[in-house]
Amino acid sequence: METGVQEVFLLKADLLLFALELKLKDPSIGLDKYGLQQIFHYSGVISKEDIQEYLAGR
């Protein structure tokens, strides 16, 4: 609360592992705004389809 962050995302552990699996399979996926940061940019519940769209379909 003290940081001023107003957005929260929910990510199940198996989906985090899925995102890491995609990253390990494709080293070109970075940690920048074009890679893993895209997943954490939006508020709400993140689905497997979201991860595939952000990482695999980039």
Protein backbone atom coordinates (compact mmCIF):
# COMPACT_ATOMS: atom_id res chain seq x y z
CA MET A 1 0.00 0.00 0.00
CA GLU A 2 2.85 2.36 0.68
CA THR A 3 4.31 1.97 -2.83
CA GLY A 4 1.35 3.48 -4.63
CA VAL A 5 0.84 0.38 -6.79
CA GLN A 6 -2.79 0.21 -7.82
CA GLU A 7 -2.87 -2.86 -10.05
CA VAL A 8 -2.82 -6.52 -9.13
CA PHE A 9 -2.55 -9.58 -11.32
CA LEU A 10 -3.26 -13.19 -10.46
CA LEU A 11 -1.15 -15.96 -11.91
CA LYS A 12 -1.45 -19.63 -10.96
CA ALA A 13 1.81 -21.42 -10.23
CA ASP A 14 1.33 -23.85 -13.13
CA LEU A 15 0.99 -20.90 -15.51
CA LEU A 16 4.16 -19.33 -14.17
CA LEU A 17 5.91 -22.63 -14.85
CA PHE A 18 4.40 -22.63 -18.35
CA ALA A 19 5.79 -19.15 -19.00
CA LEU A 20 9.20 -20.24 -17.75
CA GLU A 21 9.04 -23.32 -19.98
CA LEU A 22 8.39 -21.11 -23.01
CA LYS A 23 11.30 -18.87 -21.99
CA LEU A 24 13.64 -21.85 -21.66
CA LYS A 25 12.57 -23.23 -25.05
CA ASP A 26 13.02 -19.85 -26.74
CA PRO A 27 15.99 -17.88 -25.38
CA SER A 28 14.98 -14.89 -27.51
CA ILE A 29 12.12 -14.24 -25.09
CA GLY A 30 13.51 -11.52 -22.87
CA LEU A 31 12.54 -9.96 -19.59
CA ASP A 32 11.77 -6.65 -21.26
CA LYS A 33 8.47 -5.09 -22.36
CA TYR A 34 8.41 -7.40 -25.38
CA GLY A 35 8.85 -10.56 -23.31
CA LEU A 36 7.90 -11.59 -19.81
CA GLN A 37 7.00 -8.05 -18.74
CA GLN A 38 4.01 -8.19 -21.07
CA ILE A 39 2.43 -10.85 -18.88
CA PHE A 40 2.71 -8.72 -15.76
CA HIS A 41 1.58 -5.48 -17.38
CA TYR A 42 -2.17 -6.01 -17.11
CA SER A 43 -4.44 -6.30 -14.08
CA GLY A 44 -6.68 -9.26 -13.53
CA VAL A 45 -6.48 -13.00 -13.95
CA ILE A 46 -3.94 -14.20 -16.49
CA SER A 47 -4.79 -17.29 -18.55
CA LYS A 48 -2.67 -19.78 -20.46
CA GLU A 49 -4.01 -18.23 -23.65
CA ASP A 50 -2.75 -14.82 -22.53
CA ILE A 51 0.72 -16.24 -21.94
CA GLN A 52 0.74 -17.94 -25.32
CA GLU A 53 -0.39 -14.72 -27.00
CA TYR A 54 2.21 -12.57 -25.24
CA LEU A 55 5.15 -14.96 -25.55
CA ALA A 56 4.62 -17.59 -28.22
CA GLY A 57 2.70 -15.37 -30.63
CA ARG A 58 4.87 -12.30 -30.39
